[in-house]
Amino acid sequence: MSEQKPQTFRQWLKEQMHRRDPIGDLARDVQADRPGARSVDDLRLVLQEHDASANALDALERAAQEYGQP
């Protein structure tokens, strides 16, 4: 029996692209614009470096909680 490797945050976020909420918006933006950001911390850093809106950062924090990372 093989164990399934846990999803990365980016993989999880990609599965959220269908959502019609800020997390879905974030997912679509990340897939289009942020190819290097794989983890919550990586993406947070990228968003902060690009002066992302408070709404985008809030969506990231909510997504991280749903993903299971505080």
Foldseek 3Di string as FASTA:
>chain_A
DDDDDDAWLLVVLCVLCPDPDLSVVLNVCCVVPPVPQTHLVSVLVVCVVVVHDPSNVVSSVVSCVVSPHD
